[in-house]
């Protein structure tokens, strides 16, 4: 790759990583002169990237939001599919979570508003454990249909194929009544997509494999979300797939909110469950052999902590705080 092209890509990556970049700092990071930075910015503008200059003692540049995608040669559906894949990649435990999160931020930043709304409506709860990437055979359009029903809180009707369809099993989609559910969450586990929903006919919670779902249109009326047993989707799903009733095998189990990106937390949480709550916040459900051990395990993350529960975990943090304070003031 020519040196100038490589430098342009590096400059674009820097501009997408933070809002404002002083010109001098950009020149230092790229190891070029401020004059070269100005020329490269002009080249990116010619390619369609909306880069604006700001004045002041630390005058520099920022990548502004555009009205259309820069020339990435993606159509709308490809852009949405890319964003979905990047969301999944932030929780794979494969060592690419931080890069995937930066890439997702970059893609979303330059998307038209109509596409950003579609991506924001896709809320995926991903269990933080090393696992294969969710089934690529599930079409992004089907995922968006399920996600839209979850986001809108609308009753969903769908045909549900058997686990191992055979020619003589008697399964006939036309003759089989559709399932009627209240969809609550779209979840990834063990390399597959699942829909967590309240089954209206069976009056119980069910998980459905997304690759076996064929949604029916239109969706039904809006519903009021139900509370899961235990109140937490991630721990409930983990219990279901362990074959239990949702209880954890650790004697002590707690839930906190960390002011830290889910991608950063998931890399260091093999047995925990992480649910993204926003760009810099996530929910962590973790177990341990004692409450102080659990508090210490959570404390290893360099982030502010909000304890959701139970009270024993709050007491354990207070206990460790006193112990650490005594250690800090003790003299040999």
Protein backbone atom coordinates (compact mmCIF):
# COMPACT_ATOMS: atom_id res chain seq x y z
CA UNK A 1 0.00 0.00 0.00
CA UNK A 2 1.44 3.45 -0.89
CA UNK A 3 2.66 5.43 2.09
CA UNK A 4 0.17 8.26 1.50
CA UNK A 5 -2.81 5.87 1.38
CA UNK A 6 -1.68 4.14 4.56
CA UNK A 7 -1.30 7.51 6.27
CA UNK A 8 -4.80 8.56 5.17
CA UNK A 9 -6.25 5.41 6.71
CA UNK A 10 -4.32 6.06 9.93
CA UNK A 11 -5.58 9.65 10.01
CA UNK A 12 -9.17 8.53 9.45
CA UNK A 13 -8.85 5.94 12.21
CA UNK A 14 -7.61 8.59 14.65
CA UNK A 15 -10.39 11.01 13.74
CA UNK A 16 -12.96 8.30 14.39
CA UNK A 17 -11.47 7.32 17.76
CA UNK A 18 -12.28 10.59 19.55
CA UNK A 19 -14.30 13.74 18.92
CA UNK A 20 -11.63 16.48 18.73
CA UNK A 21 -8.03 16.14 17.64
CA UNK A 22 -5.58 19.07 18.00
CA UNK A 23 -3.62 19.48 14.79
CA UNK A 24 -0.25 19.30 16.58
CA UNK A 25 -1.19 16.03 18.29
CA UNK A 26 -2.32 14.50 15.01
CA UNK A 27 1.00 15.46 13.44
CA UNK A 28 2.87 13.82 16.32
CA UNK A 29 0.84 10.61 16.13
CA UNK A 30 1.34 10.35 12.36
CA UNK A 31 4.98 11.53 12.52
CA UNK A 32 4.39 14.21 9.88
CA UNK A 33 4.23 18.00 9.78
CA UNK A 34 1.00 19.98 10.50
CA UNK A 35 1.10 21.05 6.85
CA UNK A 36 0.94 17.39 5.77
CA UNK A 37 -1.98 16.84 8.13
CA UNK A 38 -3.84 19.72 6.43
CA UNK A 39 -3.22 18.22 3.00
CA UNK A 40 -4.37 14.78 4.14
CA UNK A 41 -7.52 16.26 5.67
CA UNK A 42 -8.28 17.90 2.33
CA UNK A 43 -7.83 14.54 0.58
CA UNK A 44 -10.30 12.87 2.97
CA UNK A 45 -12.78 15.68 2.39
CA UNK A 46 -12.51 15.07 -1.35
CA UNK A 47 -13.42 11.42 -0.66
CA UNK A 48 -16.61 12.51 1.09
CA UNK A 49 -15.63 12.44 4.77
CA UNK A 50 -17.20 15.40 6.65
CA UNK A 51 -14.14 16.70 8.51
CA UNK A 52 -14.50 20.12 10.09
CA UNK A 53 -11.82 22.36 11.56
CA UNK A 54 -12.13 24.10 14.92
CA UNK A 55 -10.18 27.13 16.09
CA UNK A 56 -8.52 28.02 19.37
CA UNK A 57 -5.19 27.48 21.15
CA UNK A 58 -5.43 23.77 20.35
CA UNK A 59 -7.12 24.14 16.98
CA UNK A 60 -7.59 20.97 15.04
CA UNK A 61 -10.13 18.70 13.37
CA UNK A 62 -13.12 16.52 14.06
CA UNK A 63 -15.06 13.99 12.01
CA UNK A 64 -18.60 15.30 11.83
CA UNK A 65 -21.77 13.25 11.34
CA UNK A 66 -22.67 12.91 7.68
CA UNK A 67 -25.97 12.79 5.86
CA UNK A 68 -24.93 9.65 4.00
CA UNK A 69 -22.34 6.91 4.23
CA UNK A 70 -18.82 7.77 3.04
CA UNK A 71 -17.63 5.79 0.00
CA UNK A 72 -17.28 2.41 1.73
CA UNK A 73 -19.13 0.61 -1.07
CA UNK A 74 -21.72 -0.86 1.34
CA UNK A 75 -25.44 -0.81 0.66
CA UNK A 76 -27.91 -0.33 3.53
CA UNK A 77 -28.40 -4.03 4.28
CA UNK A 78 -24.65 -4.69 4.20
CA UNK A 79 -24.05 -1.82 6.61
CA UNK A 80 -26.67 -3.17 9.01
CA UNK A 81 -25.21 -6.68 8.74
CA UNK A 82 -21.74 -5.29 9.47
CA UNK A 83 -22.99 -3.50 12.58
CA UNK A 84 -24.70 -6.69 13.82
CA UNK A 85 -21.51 -8.69 13.31
CA UNK A 86 -19.49 -6.08 15.19
CA UNK A 87 -21.94 -6.20 18.13
CA UNK A 88 -21.42 -9.96 18.30
CA UNK A 89 -17.65 -9.60 18.03
CA UNK A 90 -17.52 -7.38 21.13
CA UNK A 91 -18.52 -10.35 23.30
CA UNK A 92 -16.79 -13.33 21.66
CA UNK A 93 -13.83 -13.49 24.05
CA UNK A 94 -11.55 -13.86 21.02
CA UNK A 95 -9.31 -10.90 21.88
CA UNK A 96 -10.83 -8.54 19.29
CA UNK A 97 -13.50 -6.98 21.50
CA UNK A 98 -11.94 -3.54 21.85
CA UNK A 99 -11.18 -3.27 18.13
CA UNK A 100 -14.72 -4.43 17.31
CA UNK A 101 -16.22 -1.83 19.65
CA UNK A 102 -14.15 0.95 18.02
CA UNK A 103 -15.17 -0.29 14.59
CA UNK A 104 -18.84 -0.37 15.63
CA UNK A 105 -18.58 3.21 16.89
CA UNK A 106 -16.98 4.23 13.61
CA UNK A 107 -19.61 2.58 11.44
CA UNK A 108 -22.50 3.95 13.49
CA UNK A 109 -21.06 7.48 13.51
CA UNK A 110 -21.13 7.82 9.73
CA UNK A 111 -24.43 6.03 9.17
CA UNK A 112 -27.50 7.95 8.01
CA UNK A 113 -30.07 8.48 10.75
CA UNK A 114 -32.44 5.87 9.27
CA UNK A 115 -29.79 3.15 9.64
CA UNK A 116 -28.67 4.29 13.09
CA UNK A 117 -32.26 3.87 14.30
CA UNK A 118 -32.30 0.29 13.02
CA UNK A 119 -29.01 -0.52 14.73
CA UNK A 120 -30.05 1.12 18.00
CA UNK A 121 -33.19 -1.01 18.00
CA UNK A 122 -31.07 -4.17 17.96
CA UNK A 123 -30.46 -5.01 21.62
CA UNK A 124 -28.42 -8.19 21.98
CA UNK A 125 -27.72 -9.81 25.34
CA UNK A 126 -24.56 -11.85 24.91
CA UNK A 127 -23.20 -14.20 27.53
CA UNK A 128 -19.55 -13.39 28.18
CA UNK A 129 -17.90 -16.73 27.58
CA UNK A 130 -15.64 -17.92 24.76
CA UNK A 131 -17.97 -19.32 22.13
CA UNK A 132 -18.27 -19.61 18.37
CA UNK A 133 -19.75 -16.66 16.55
CA UNK A 134 -23.56 -16.97 16.32
CA UNK A 135 -24.91 -18.91 13.37
CA UNK A 136 -24.17 -16.94 10.18
CA UNK A 137 -27.01 -18.78 8.42
CA UNK A 138 -29.57 -16.69 10.30
CA UNK A 139 -30.34 -13.87 7.88
CA UNK A 140 -29.88 -10.33 9.15
CA UNK A 141 -33.41 -9.52 7.95
CA UNK A 142 -34.88 -12.22 10.21
CA UNK A 143 -32.84 -10.94 13.15
CA UNK A 144 -34.05 -7.40 12.51
CA UNK A 145 -37.66 -8.65 12.45
CA UNK A 146 -37.24 -10.38 15.81
CA UNK A 147 -35.35 -7.43 17.24
CA UNK A 148 -37.99 -4.98 16.04
CA UNK A 149 -40.70 -7.00 17.82
CA UNK A 150 -38.62 -7.03 21.01
CA UNK A 151 -37.98 -3.31 20.79
CA UNK A 152 -41.62 -2.45 20.02
CA UNK A 153 -43.00 -4.89 22.66
CA UNK A 154 -45.37 -6.45 20.14
CA UNK A 155 -46.77 -9.99 20.22
CA UNK A 156 -44.97 -12.14 17.66
CA UNK A 157 -46.43 -15.03 15.68
CA UNK A 158 -44.08 -17.48 13.96
CA UNK A 159 -43.73 -20.99 12.58
CA UNK A 160 -41.21 -23.02 14.52
CA UNK A 161 -39.50 -25.84 12.63
CA UNK A 162 -38.58 -29.08 14.45
CA UNK A 163 -35.01 -29.57 15.58
CA UNK A 164 -34.30 -32.30 13.01
CA UNK A 165 -36.86 -32.02 10.21
CA UNK A 166 -37.38 -35.22 8.21
CA UNK A 167 -39.53 -36.01 5.26
CA UNK A 168 -41.71 -38.49 7.21
CA UNK A 169 -42.08 -36.66 10.53
CA UNK A 170 -45.50 -35.30 9.65
CA UNK A 171 -44.47 -31.68 10.14
CA UNK A 172 -46.55 -29.38 7.99
CA UNK A 173 -46.10 -25.62 8.60
CA UNK A 174 -49.42 -24.87 6.93
CA UNK A 175 -51.28 -27.26 9.25
CA UNK A 176 -49.37 -26.44 12.45
CA UNK A 177 -50.68 -23.49 14.48
CA UNK A 178 -48.12 -20.70 14.80
CA UNK A 179 -46.49 -20.00 18.13
CA UNK A 180 -47.69 -16.84 19.87
CA UNK A 181 -45.20 -15.19 22.18
CA UNK A 182 -44.33 -11.94 23.88
CA UNK A 183 -40.69 -11.44 22.77
CA UNK A 184 -38.44 -9.98 25.46
CA UNK A 185 -34.80 -10.48 24.50
CA UNK A 186 -32.59 -11.54 21.59
CA UNK A 187 -29.73 -13.59 23.03
CA UNK A 188 -26.54 -15.27 21.83
CA UNK A 189 -25.29 -18.47 23.43
CA UNK A 190 -22.87 -21.16 22.28
CA UNK A 191 -22.69 -19.89 18.72
CA UNK A 192 -26.44 -19.55 18.13
CA UNK A 193 -29.13 -16.88 18.25
CA UNK A 194 -32.09 -17.39 20.60
CA UNK A 195 -35.30 -15.51 21.27
CA UNK A 196 -36.32 -15.39 24.93
CA UNK A 197 -40.09 -14.96 25.12
CA UNK A 198 -43.22 -15.61 27.16
CA UNK A 199 -45.23 -18.30 25.38
CA UNK A 200 -48.87 -17.19 25.47
CA UNK A 201 -50.30 -20.67 24.81
CA UNK A 202 -48.08 -22.55 27.27
CA UNK A 203 -48.03 -19.69 29.80
CA UNK A 204 -44.34 -20.08 30.50
CA UNK A 205 -40.94 -18.72 29.49
CA UNK A 206 -39.37 -20.33 26.44
CA UNK A 207 -36.19 -19.97 24.40
CA UNK A 208 -36.46 -20.40 20.63
CA UNK A 209 -33.63 -20.92 18.18
CA UNK A 210 -33.69 -18.05 15.70
CA UNK A 211 -32.67 -20.25 12.76
CA UNK A 212 -35.86 -22.30 13.25
CA UNK A 213 -38.18 -19.27 13.41
CA UNK A 214 -40.18 -18.06 10.43
CA UNK A 215 -41.98 -14.89 11.54
CA UNK A 216 -45.53 -14.22 10.42
CA UNK A 217 -46.66 -10.75 9.44
CA UNK A 218 -48.16 -8.64 10.84
CA UNK A 219 -47.17 -8.65 14.49
CA UNK A 220 -49.80 -8.56 17.21
CA UNK A 221 -50.77 -5.98 19.83
CA UNK A 222 -48.35 -4.30 22.20
CA UNK A 223 -47.76 -5.88 25.61
CA UNK A 224 -46.39 -4.90 29.00
CA UNK A 225 -43.02 -6.61 29.65
CA UNK A 226 -43.02 -9.35 32.28
CA UNK A 227 -40.43 -9.81 34.98
CA UNK A 228 -38.17 -12.81 34.55
CA UNK A 229 -37.70 -15.20 37.48
CA UNK A 230 -34.78 -13.70 39.36
CA UNK A 231 -35.20 -10.44 37.45
CA UNK A 232 -32.12 -10.84 35.24
CA UNK A 233 -32.17 -12.07 31.65
CA UNK A 234 -28.50 -13.07 31.49
CA UNK A 235 -28.51 -15.26 34.61
CA UNK A 236 -31.90 -16.74 33.69
CA UNK A 237 -30.69 -17.79 30.26
CA UNK A 238 -27.42 -19.15 31.67
CA UNK A 239 -29.40 -21.31 34.09
CA UNK A 240 -31.67 -22.57 31.33
CA UNK A 241 -28.76 -23.69 29.19
CA UNK A 242 -27.07 -25.37 32.14
CA UNK A 243 -30.20 -27.47 32.45
CA UNK A 244 -31.09 -25.96 35.82
CA UNK A 245 -34.01 -23.89 37.02
CA UNK A 246 -31.99 -20.70 36.77
CA UNK A 247 -30.06 -20.98 40.03
CA UNK A 248 -26.29 -20.74 39.92
CA UNK A 249 -23.86 -23.38 41.12
CA UNK A 250 -21.78 -20.80 43.05
CA UNK A 251 -22.67 -20.41 46.73
CA UNK A 252 -22.49 -16.61 46.33
CA UNK A 253 -23.79 -14.75 43.34
CA UNK A 254 -24.17 -11.01 42.81
CA UNK A 255 -25.03 -8.40 40.24
CA UNK A 256 -23.43 -5.01 39.65
CA UNK A 257 -23.36 -2.27 37.06
CA UNK A 258 -19.86 -1.30 35.94
CA UNK A 259 -19.08 2.04 34.33
CA UNK A 260 -17.00 0.31 31.69
CA UNK A 261 -17.67 -0.98 28.15
CA UNK A 262 -19.05 -4.51 27.99
CA UNK A 263 -16.29 -5.50 25.57
CA UNK A 264 -13.58 -4.60 28.08
CA UNK A 265 -15.31 -6.51 30.89
CA UNK A 266 -16.11 -9.63 28.87
CA UNK A 267 -12.43 -10.23 28.05
CA UNK A 268 -11.72 -10.90 31.73
CA UNK A 269 -14.96 -12.62 32.78
CA UNK A 270 -14.88 -16.26 31.79
CA UNK A 271 -17.66 -17.51 34.08
CA UNK A 272 -19.65 -14.31 34.39
CA UNK A 273 -22.45 -12.88 32.33
CA UNK A 274 -22.19 -9.43 30.78
CA UNK A 275 -25.07 -7.41 29.39
CA UNK A 276 -24.36 -4.17 27.54
CA UNK A 277 -26.32 -1.21 28.91
CA UNK A 278 -24.71 1.55 26.88
CA UNK A 279 -21.45 2.68 25.38
CA UNK A 280 -19.64 2.85 28.75
CA UNK A 281 -21.91 0.86 31.08
CA UNK A 282 -22.66 -2.82 31.45
CA UNK A 283 -24.33 -5.25 33.82
CA UNK A 284 -22.15 -7.99 35.31
CA UNK A 285 -23.54 -11.13 36.98
CA UNK A 286 -20.81 -13.14 38.68
CA UNK A 287 -20.46 -15.94 41.21
CA UNK A 288 -17.77 -16.91 43.71
CA UNK A 289 -17.12 -19.10 46.73
CA UNK A 290 -17.58 -16.25 49.26
CA UNK A 291 -18.97 -12.72 49.31
CA UNK A 292 -15.59 -11.04 50.00
CA UNK A 293 -14.07 -13.09 47.15
CA UNK A 294 -16.85 -11.98 44.85
CA UNK A 295 -16.40 -8.32 45.82
CA UNK A 296 -12.64 -8.62 45.27
CA UNK A 297 -13.18 -10.22 41.85
CA UNK A 298 -15.45 -7.37 40.79
CA UNK A 299 -13.06 -4.79 42.24
CA UNK A 300 -10.32 -5.81 39.84
CA UNK A 301 -12.07 -3.80 37.15
CA UNK A 302 -10.85 -0.21 37.13
CA UNK A 303 -14.34 1.31 37.05
CA UNK A 304 -17.06 2.76 39.25
CA UNK A 305 -19.41 0.12 40.64
CA UNK A 306 -23.14 0.19 41.39
CA UNK A 307 -24.29 -2.79 43.43
CA UNK A 308 -27.64 -4.14 42.25
CA UNK A 309 -27.73 -6.90 44.83
CA UNK A 310 -27.93 -8.80 47.03
CA UNK A 311 -27.26 -6.93 50.31
CA UNK A 312 -24.54 -9.44 51.19
CA UNK A 313 -22.49 -8.15 48.30
CA UNK A 314 -22.86 -4.56 49.50
CA UNK A 315 -21.70 -5.65 52.98
CA UNK A 316 -18.74 -7.45 51.42
CA UNK A 317 -17.61 -4.28 49.61
CA UNK A 318 -17.84 -2.36 52.90
CA UNK A 319 -15.86 -5.09 54.66
CA UNK A 320 -13.11 -4.97 52.02
CA UNK A 321 -13.08 -1.16 52.10
CA UNK A 322 -12.31 -1.21 55.83
CA UNK A 323 -9.68 -3.92 55.37
CA UNK A 324 -7.96 -2.03 52.53
CA UNK A 325 -8.08 1.25 54.45
CA UNK A 326 -6.40 -0.42 57.42
CA UNK A 327 -3.77 -1.90 55.12
CA UNK A 328 -3.07 1.50 53.59
CA UNK A 329 -2.47 3.18 56.97
CA UNK A 330 -0.71 0.32 58.76
CA UNK A 331 3.00 0.70 59.46
CA UNK A 332 5.47 -2.24 59.31
